Amino acid sequence: MITNPLTVTLDHGQVTEITGGAWTPAVYVLLVVGTVICGRLWRLLPSMRKGSESRS
């Protein structure tokens, strides 16, 4: 699950309280992992392109 359960409390059709809906720790882990992977690809792709140009 990406977020905690969201609870909305209504009183006579008006919202009186909203609780929950926060990101779970898994979201933060995925954010860090995704950032590291993107950073690695950012440096890897240009070096792959330079290597293929020198071979041809």
Protein backbone atom coordinates (compact mmCIF):
# COMPACT_ATOMS: atom_id res chain seq x y z
CA MET A 1 0.00 0.00 0.00
CA ILE A 2 1.33 3.44 -0.88
CA THR A 3 -0.71 5.53 1.56
CA ASN A 4 -2.33 4.96 4.92
CA PRO A 5 -6.12 4.66 4.93
CA LEU A 6 -7.91 8.00 4.62
CA THR A 7 -10.82 8.81 6.93
CA VAL A 8 -13.13 11.75 6.28
CA THR A 9 -15.62 12.68 9.02
CA LEU A 10 -18.79 14.50 7.98
CA ASP A 11 -21.25 16.36 10.19
CA HIS A 12 -24.47 17.50 8.48
CA GLY A 13 -22.81 17.41 5.06
CA GLN A 14 -19.75 19.42 6.16
CA VAL A 15 -16.25 17.95 6.45
CA THR A 16 -15.19 18.19 10.08
CA GLU A 17 -12.04 16.05 10.14
CA ILE A 18 -9.65 14.38 7.69
CA THR A 19 -7.13 11.87 9.02
CA GLY A 20 -4.70 9.48 7.35
CA GLY A 21 -3.58 9.48 3.74
CA ALA A 22 0.11 9.82 4.60
CA TRP A 23 2.79 8.06 2.58
CA THR A 24 4.01 4.77 4.03
CA PRO A 25 7.73 4.06 4.54
CA ALA A 26 7.71 1.95 1.35
CA VAL A 27 7.16 5.13 -0.69
CA TYR A 28 10.31 6.71 0.73
CA VAL A 29 12.34 3.57 0.02
CA LEU A 30 11.06 3.47 -3.57
CA LEU A 31 11.84 7.18 -3.97
CA VAL A 32 15.47 6.67 -2.87
CA VAL A 33 15.92 3.55 -5.02
CA GLY A 34 14.42 5.28 -8.05
CA THR A 35 16.66 8.31 -7.55
CA VAL A 36 19.78 6.14 -7.38
CA ILE A 37 18.78 4.19 -10.51
CA CYS A 38 18.07 7.38 -12.47
CA GLY A 39 21.40 8.85 -11.38
CA ARG A 40 23.25 5.74 -12.51
CA LEU A 41 21.49 5.76 -15.89
CA TRP A 42 22.17 9.48 -16.26
CA ARG A 43 25.91 8.78 -16.10
CA LEU A 44 25.84 5.44 -17.94
CA LEU A 45 23.94 6.42 -21.10
CA PRO A 46 26.31 9.18 -22.30
CA SER A 47 29.32 6.91 -21.79
CA MET A 48 27.61 4.15 -23.80
CA ARG A 49 26.91 6.64 -26.59
CA LYS A 50 30.55 7.81 -26.70
CA GLY A 51 31.75 4.21 -26.79
CA SER A 52 29.53 3.29 -29.74
CA GLU A 53 30.60 6.41 -31.71
CA SER A 54 34.30 5.60 -31.37
CA ARG A 55 33.76 2.03 -32.60
CA SER A 56 32.14 3.06 -35.91
